[in-house]
Amino acid sequence: MKFKLILCDLGNCLVRFDHRIATRRILAFTDKDLDTIYQLFFDSALTKDYEEGRISSLDFFRRLKRRLTLRNLNFTIFKSIWNEIFFDNEGMVELLRTLKKKYRLHMISNINELHYRYLLKKFPEHLRLFDKIFLSYEVGRRKPHRKIYLRAIQERGVKPQEVLYTDDRADLLKEAKKLGIQTVLFKNVEDFKKQLKKLKVLP
């Protein structure tokens, strides 16, 4: 076989998500606008620090609370709002079960502690499909830093050319390609199957 390891992203590959669900729900606790909330929640230095494990979940909440001037919002309610953004990507579990018969599966994800703990409870059967899981908040680096890719590869002891990696973000695939990893842009399950057949990963 050409490939000995398949790397799979989590968000919008294994499971789907919509950050806007949390953004809309938090409006009830602040006077800030949607764009300000979204940017701070999901595209800020604060979020990067959280996803790379530099600050705790409680500290992340406290900093958000100050910056967004959140009122009448405790940590328990926040966790519910923050976490309830994920839903199943229909057909992906079945596909991964098929791939697992022939290939080792590793997951690599830019994710924070609260989201991952929530997913462990909500989708345990999804996560059990992977032989190893590499999370940015545990590794200390987010994709596209080469450290997280190399950790996933070295754990299995394979060459980059023997690895197939799928992600829904082209910018993250670009960095993996520089290491010699074969990549597939994930659009949806059916398109992913077609790409795998072209690569002779699926019959």
C-alpha atoms as a PDB file:
ATOM      1  CA  MET A   1       0.000   0.000   0.000  1.00  0.00           C
ATOM      2  CA  LYS A   2       1.214   3.482  -0.814  1.00  0.00           C
ATOM      3  CA  PHE A   3      -0.176   4.911   2.420  1.00  0.00           C
ATOM      4  CA  LYS A   4       0.402   3.537   5.909  1.00  0.00           C
ATOM      5  CA  LEU A   5      -1.320   6.286   7.889  1.00  0.00           C
ATOM      6  CA  ILE A   6      -4.363   8.493   7.372  1.00  0.00           C
ATOM      7  CA  LEU A   7      -4.561  11.790   9.255  1.00  0.00           C
ATOM      8  CA  CYS A   8      -8.005  13.293   9.704  1.00  0.00           C
ATOM      9  CA  ASP A   9      -9.059  16.698  10.948  1.00  0.00           C
ATOM     10  CA  LEU A  10     -11.898  16.923  13.479  1.00  0.00           C
ATOM     11  CA  GLY A  11     -14.009  20.034  12.853  1.00  0.00           C
ATOM     12  CA  ASN A  12     -16.044  19.910   9.614  1.00  0.00           C
ATOM     13  CA  CYS A  13     -14.489  16.545   8.762  1.00  0.00           C
ATOM     14  CA  LEU A  14     -15.243  14.102  11.556  1.00  0.00           C
ATOM     15  CA  VAL A  15     -18.066  16.251  12.937  1.00  0.00           C
ATOM     16  CA  ARG A  16     -19.558  19.496  11.724  1.00  0.00           C
ATOM     17  CA  PHE A  17     -19.916  22.724  13.687  1.00  0.00           C
ATOM     18  CA  ASP A  18     -21.300  26.236  13.445  1.00  0.00           C
ATOM     19  CA  HIS A  19     -19.619  28.923  15.559  1.00  0.00           C
ATOM     20  CA  ARG A  20     -22.499  31.282  14.830  1.00  0.00           C
ATOM     21  CA  ILE A  21     -24.752  29.260  17.145  1.00  0.00           C
ATOM     22  CA  ALA A  22     -22.655  30.283  20.144  1.00  0.00           C
ATOM     23  CA  THR A  23     -22.193  33.825  18.853  1.00  0.00           C
ATOM     24  CA  ARG A  24     -25.946  34.410  18.590  1.00  0.00           C
ATOM     25  CA  ARG A  25     -26.651  32.925  22.031  1.00  0.00           C
ATOM     26  CA  ILE A  26     -24.059  35.103  23.762  1.00  0.00           C
ATOM     27  CA  LEU A  27     -25.783  38.273  22.490  1.00  0.00           C
ATOM     28  CA  ALA A  28     -28.237  38.016  25.390  1.00  0.00           C
ATOM     29  CA  PHE A  29     -25.391  38.716  27.822  1.00  0.00           C
ATOM     30  CA  THR A  30     -23.550  41.608  26.157  1.00  0.00           C
ATOM     31  CA  ASP A  31     -23.989  44.861  24.250  1.00  0.00           C
ATOM     32  CA  LYS A  32     -21.245  43.936  21.787  1.00  0.00           C
ATOM     33  CA  ASP A  33     -22.147  43.219  18.153  1.00  0.00           C
ATOM     34  CA  LEU A  34     -22.001  39.838  16.416  1.00  0.00           C
ATOM     35  CA  ASP A  35     -18.783  40.539  14.531  1.00  0.00           C
ATOM     36  CA  THR A  36     -16.937  41.587  17.684  1.00  0.00           C
ATOM     37  CA  ILE A  37     -18.092  38.467  19.522  1.00  0.00           C
ATOM     38  CA  TYR A  38     -17.248  36.164  16.635  1.00  0.00           C
ATOM     39  CA  GLN A  39     -13.770  37.597  16.179  1.00  0.00           C
ATOM     40  CA  LEU A  40     -12.907  37.304  19.865  1.00  0.00           C
ATOM     41  CA  PHE A  41     -14.454  33.849  20.191  1.00  0.00           C
ATOM     42  CA  PHE A  42     -12.862  32.212  17.212  1.00  0.00           C
ATOM     43  CA  ASP A  43     -10.198  34.334  15.532  1.00  0.00           C
ATOM     44  CA  SER A  44      -8.156  36.115  18.174  1.00  0.00           C
ATOM     45  CA  ALA A  45      -4.878  35.853  20.048  1.00  0.00           C
ATOM     46  CA  LEU A  46      -6.910  34.881  23.115  1.00  0.00           C
ATOM     47  CA  THR A  47      -8.412  31.890  21.324  1.00  0.00           C
ATOM     48  CA  LYS A  48      -4.992  30.902  19.986  1.00  0.00           C
ATOM     49  CA  ASP A  49      -3.581  30.890  23.514  1.00  0.00           C
ATOM     50  CA  TYR A  50      -6.478  28.742  24.674  1.00  0.00           C
ATOM     51  CA  GLU A  51      -6.185  26.290  21.781  1.00  0.00           C
ATOM     52  CA  GLU A  52      -2.446  25.954  22.407  1.00  0.00           C
ATOM     53  CA  GLY A  53      -2.966  25.233  26.092  1.00  0.00           C
ATOM     54  CA  ARG A  54      -1.392  28.418  27.422  1.00  0.00           C
ATOM     55  CA  ILE A  55      -4.429  29.369  29.521  1.00  0.00           C
ATOM     56  CA  SER A  56      -7.014  27.285  31.357  1.00  0.00           C
ATOM     57  CA  SER A  57     -10.693  27.025  30.453  1.00  0.00           C
ATOM     58  CA  LEU A  58     -11.691  29.106  33.472  1.00  0.00           C
ATOM     59  CA  ASP A  59      -9.122  31.778  32.653  1.00  0.00           C
ATOM     60  CA  PHE A  60     -10.364  31.874  29.057  1.00  0.00           C
ATOM     61  CA  PHE A  61     -13.912  32.434  30.325  1.00  0.00           C
ATOM     62  CA  ARG A  62     -12.834  35.187  32.711  1.00  0.00           C
ATOM     63  CA  ARG A  63     -10.948  37.034  29.979  1.00  0.00           C
ATOM     64  CA  LEU A  64     -13.895  36.757  27.585  1.00  0.00           C
ATOM     65  CA  LYS A  65     -16.194  38.025  30.287  1.00  0.00           C
ATOM     66  CA  ARG A  66     -14.065  41.129  30.808  1.00  0.00           C
ATOM     67  CA  ARG A  67     -13.547  41.903  27.129  1.00  0.00           C
ATOM     68  CA  LEU A  68     -17.183  41.431  26.141  1.00  0.00           C
ATOM     69  CA  THR A  69     -18.551  42.910  29.397  1.00  0.00           C
ATOM     70  CA  LEU A  70     -20.692  39.814  29.842  1.00  0.00           C
ATOM     71  CA  ARG A  71     -23.516  40.173  32.374  1.00  0.00           C
ATOM     72  CA  ASN A  72     -25.334  37.481  34.371  1.00  0.00           C
ATOM     73  CA  LEU A  73     -23.286  34.716  32.807  1.00  0.00           C
ATOM     74  CA  ASN A  74     -21.604  32.107  34.973  1.00  0.00           C
ATOM     75  CA  PHE A  75     -19.112  29.460  33.880  1.00  0.00           C
ATOM     76  CA  THR A  76     -21.719  26.673  33.762  1.00  0.00           C
ATOM     77  CA  ILE A  77     -23.997  28.576  31.395  1.00  0.00           C
ATOM     78  CA  PHE A  78     -21.027  29.668  29.330  1.00  0.00           C
ATOM     79  CA  LYS A  79     -19.884  26.068  28.846  1.00  0.00           C
ATOM     80  CA  SER A  80     -23.298  25.150  27.478  1.00  0.00           C
ATOM     81  CA  ILE A  81     -23.258  28.050  25.014  1.00  0.00           C
ATOM     82  CA  TRP A  82     -19.628  27.471  24.042  1.00  0.00           C
ATOM     83  CA  ASN A  83     -19.964  23.724  23.497  1.00  0.00           C
ATOM     84  CA  GLU A  84     -23.332  23.187  21.863  1.00  0.00           C
ATOM     85  CA  ILE A  85     -22.234  23.977  18.323  1.00  0.00           C
ATOM     86  CA  PHE A  86     -21.390  20.473  17.037  1.00  0.00           C
ATOM     87  CA  PHE A  87     -23.434  17.978  15.040  1.00  0.00           C
ATOM     88  CA  ASP A  88     -22.823  14.723  13.217  1.00  0.00           C
ATOM     89  CA  ASN A  89     -21.266  14.592   9.758  1.00  0.00           C
ATOM     90  CA  GLU A  90     -23.495  11.865   8.355  1.00  0.00           C
ATOM     91  CA  GLY A  91     -21.644   9.008   6.712  1.00  0.00           C
ATOM     92  CA  MET A  92     -18.191   9.861   8.034  1.00  0.00           C
ATOM     93  CA  VAL A  93     -18.135   7.259  10.810  1.00  0.00           C
ATOM     94  CA  GLU A  94     -19.038   4.482   8.356  1.00  0.00           C
ATOM     95  CA  LEU A  95     -16.319   5.617   5.972  1.00  0.00           C
ATOM     96  CA  LEU A  96     -13.687   5.700   8.704  1.00  0.00           C
ATOM     97  CA  ARG A  97     -14.674   2.227   9.843  1.00  0.00           C
ATOM     98  CA  THR A  98     -14.001   1.005   6.312  1.00  0.00           C
ATOM     99  CA  LEU A  99     -10.627   2.762   6.189  1.00  0.00           C
ATOM    100  CA  LYS A 100      -9.660   1.419   9.607  1.00  0.00           C
ATOM    101  CA  LYS A 101      -9.713  -2.133   8.248  1.00  0.00           C
ATOM    102  CA  LYS A 102      -6.594  -1.361   6.205  1.00  0.00           C
ATOM    103  CA  TYR A 103      -5.028   1.793   7.608  1.00  0.00           C
ATOM    104  CA  ARG A 104      -3.944   3.327  10.876  1.00  0.00           C
ATOM    105  CA  LEU A 105      -5.992   6.424  11.688  1.00  0.00           C
ATOM    106  CA  HIS A 106      -4.682   9.447  13.565  1.00  0.00           C
ATOM    107  CA  MET A 107      -6.645  12.603  14.275  1.00  0.00           C
ATOM    108  CA  ILE A 108      -5.060  16.057  14.475  1.00  0.00           C
ATOM    109  CA  SER A 109      -7.123  19.029  15.556  1.00  0.00           C
ATOM    110  CA  ASN A 110      -6.908  22.676  16.506  1.00  0.00           C
ATOM    111  CA  ILE A 111      -9.192  22.517  19.509  1.00  0.00           C
ATOM    112  CA  ASN A 112      -9.592  23.681  23.089  1.00  0.00           C
ATOM    113  CA  GLU A 113     -10.116  21.668  26.246  1.00  0.00           C
ATOM    114  CA  LEU A 114     -13.822  22.426  26.728  1.00  0.00           C
ATOM    115  CA  HIS A 115     -14.765  21.485  23.190  1.00  0.00           C
ATOM    116  CA  TYR A 116     -12.825  18.243  23.273  1.00  0.00           C
ATOM    117  CA  ARG A 117     -14.242  17.129  26.623  1.00  0.00           C
ATOM    118  CA  TYR A 118     -17.724  17.853  25.300  1.00  0.00           C
ATOM    119  CA  LEU A 119     -17.083  15.848  22.129  1.00  0.00           C
ATOM    120  CA  LEU A 120     -15.801  12.892  24.141  1.00  0.00           C
ATOM    121  CA  LYS A 121     -19.226  12.670  25.756  1.00  0.00           C
ATOM    122  CA  LYS A 122     -21.325  13.521  22.714  1.00  0.00           C
ATOM    123  CA  PHE A 123     -19.480  11.483  20.060  1.00  0.00           C
ATOM    124  CA  PRO A 124     -17.473   8.777  21.876  1.00  0.00           C
ATOM    125  CA  GLU A 125     -17.923   6.248  19.064  1.00  0.00           C
ATOM    126  CA  HIS A 126     -16.458   8.730  16.568  1.00  0.00           C
ATOM    127  CA  LEU A 127     -13.314   9.330  18.582  1.00  0.00           C
ATOM    128  CA  ARG A 128     -12.737   5.671  19.396  1.00  0.00           C
ATOM    129  CA  LEU A 129     -12.077   5.050  15.708  1.00  0.00           C
ATOM    130  CA  PHE A 130      -8.667   6.713  15.968  1.00  0.00           C
ATOM    131  CA  ASP A 131      -5.537   4.905  17.060  1.00  0.00           C
ATOM    132  CA  LYS A 132      -3.986   8.174  18.246  1.00  0.00           C
ATOM    133  CA  ILE A 133      -5.347  11.685  18.741  1.00  0.00           C
ATOM    134  CA  PHE A 134      -3.224  14.835  18.650  1.00  0.00           C
ATOM    135  CA  LEU A 135      -4.846  17.980  20.038  1.00  0.00           C
ATOM    136  CA  SER A 136      -3.385  21.465  19.749  1.00  0.00           C
ATOM    137  CA  TYR A 137      -4.003  22.310  23.400  1.00  0.00           C
ATOM    138  CA  GLU A 138      -2.019  19.220  24.439  1.00  0.00           C
ATOM    139  CA  VAL A 139       0.738  19.459  21.818  1.00  0.00           C
ATOM    140  CA  GLY A 140       1.162  23.198  22.481  1.00  0.00           C
ATOM    141  CA  ARG A 141       0.932  24.207  18.824  1.00  0.00           C
ATOM    142  CA  ARG A 142      -1.896  24.681  16.351  1.00  0.00           C
ATOM    143  CA  LYS A 143      -1.865  23.671  12.730  1.00  0.00           C
ATOM    144  CA  PRO A 144      -0.188  24.752  10.483  1.00  0.00           C
ATOM    145  CA  HIS A 145       2.815  24.545  12.827  1.00  0.00           C
ATOM    146  CA  ARG A 146       4.929  21.624  11.680  1.00  0.00           C
ATOM    147  CA  LYS A 147       5.225  20.258  15.222  1.00  0.00           C
ATOM    148  CA  ILE A 148       1.686  18.893  15.327  1.00  0.00           C
ATOM    149  CA  TYR A 149       2.029  17.159  11.933  1.00  0.00           C
ATOM    150  CA  LEU A 150       5.394  15.664  12.824  1.00  0.00           C
ATOM    151  CA  ARG A 151       4.145  14.398  16.183  1.00  0.00           C
ATOM    152  CA  ALA A 152       1.343  12.510  14.449  1.00  0.00           C
ATOM    153  CA  ILE A 153       3.710  11.004  11.880  1.00  0.00           C
ATOM    154  CA  GLN A 154       6.567  10.141  14.223  1.00  0.00           C
ATOM    155  CA  GLU A 155       4.230   8.398  16.624  1.00  0.00           C
ATOM    156  CA  ARG A 156       3.595   5.822  13.899  1.00  0.00           C
ATOM    157  CA  GLY A 157       7.155   5.779  12.581  1.00  0.00           C
ATOM    158  CA  VAL A 158       6.267   6.362   8.922  1.00  0.00           C
ATOM    159  CA  LYS A 159       7.626   8.655   6.229  1.00  0.00           C
ATOM    160  CA  PRO A 160       5.660  11.767   5.222  1.00  0.00           C
ATOM    161  CA  GLN A 161       5.171  10.258   1.750  1.00  0.00           C
ATOM    162  CA  GLU A 162       3.339   7.350   3.368  1.00  0.00           C
ATOM    163  CA  VAL A 163       0.768   9.653   4.981  1.00  0.00           C
ATOM    164  CA  LEU A 164      -2.559  10.893   3.620  1.00  0.00           C
ATOM    165  CA  TYR A 165      -4.063  13.920   5.365  1.00  0.00           C
ATOM    166  CA  THR A 166      -7.524  15.431   4.937  1.00  0.00           C
ATOM    167  CA  ASP A 167      -8.692  18.797   6.241  1.00  0.00           C
ATOM    168  CA  ASP A 168     -11.407  21.243   5.254  1.00  0.00           C
ATOM    169  CA  ARG A 169      -8.946  24.164   5.218  1.00  0.00           C
ATOM    170  CA  ALA A 170      -6.642  24.532   2.224  1.00  0.00           C
ATOM    171  CA  ASP A 171      -4.177  26.713   4.160  1.00  0.00           C
ATOM    172  CA  LEU A 172      -3.544  23.902   6.640  1.00  0.00           C
ATOM    173  CA  LEU A 173      -3.077  21.364   3.849  1.00  0.00           C
ATOM    174  CA  LYS A 174      -0.521  23.642   2.195  1.00  0.00           C
ATOM    175  CA  GLU A 175       1.820  23.452   5.157  1.00  0.00           C
ATOM    176  CA  ALA A 176       1.480  19.672   5.372  1.00  0.00           C
ATOM    177  CA  LYS A 177       2.417  19.372   1.695  1.00  0.00           C
ATOM    178  CA  LYS A 178       5.711  21.116   2.426  1.00  0.00           C
ATOM    179  CA  LEU A 179       6.596  18.154   4.636  1.00  0.00           C
ATOM    180  CA  GLY A 180       5.873  15.743   1.783  1.00  0.00           C
ATOM    181  CA  ILE A 181       2.455  14.626   3.017  1.00  0.00           C
ATOM    182  CA  GLN A 182      -0.229  13.742   0.446  1.00  0.00           C
ATOM    183  CA  THR A 183      -3.317  15.884   1.082  1.00  0.00           C
ATOM    184  CA  VAL A 184      -7.000  15.898   0.197  1.00  0.00           C
ATOM    185  CA  LEU A 185      -9.245  18.913   0.709  1.00  0.00           C
ATOM    186  CA  PHE A 186     -12.354  17.740   2.549  1.00  0.00           C
ATOM    187  CA  LYS A 187     -15.588  19.149   1.115  1.00  0.00           C
ATOM    188  CA  ASN A 188     -18.110  16.498   2.092  1.00  0.00           C
ATOM    189  CA  VAL A 189     -18.213  12.749   2.659  1.00  0.00           C
ATOM    190  CA  GLU A 190     -19.191  11.799  -0.881  1.00  0.00           C
ATOM    191  CA  ASP A 191     -16.487  13.944  -2.459  1.00  0.00           C
ATOM    192  CA  PHE A 192     -13.947  12.533  -0.002  1.00  0.00           C
ATOM    193  CA  LYS A 193     -14.865   9.007  -1.104  1.00  0.00           C
ATOM    194  CA  LYS A 194     -14.296   9.993  -4.728  1.00  0.00           C
ATOM    195  CA  GLN A 195     -10.878  11.400  -3.898  1.00  0.00           C
ATOM    196  CA  LEU A 196      -9.936   8.267  -1.990  1.00  0.00           C
ATOM    197  CA  LYS A 197     -10.921   6.109  -4.960  1.00  0.00           C
ATOM    198  CA  LYS A 198      -8.716   8.206  -7.259  1.00  0.00           C
ATOM    199  CA  LEU A 199      -5.833   7.588  -4.903  1.00  0.00           C
ATOM    200  CA  LYS A 200      -6.712   3.863  -4.773  1.00  0.00           C
ATOM    201  CA  VAL A 201      -7.287   4.056  -1.021  1.00  0.00           C
ATOM    202  CA  LEU A 202     -10.823   2.789  -1.640  1.00  0.00           C
ATOM    203  CA  PRO A 203     -11.716   0.244  -4.332  1.00  0.00           C
END
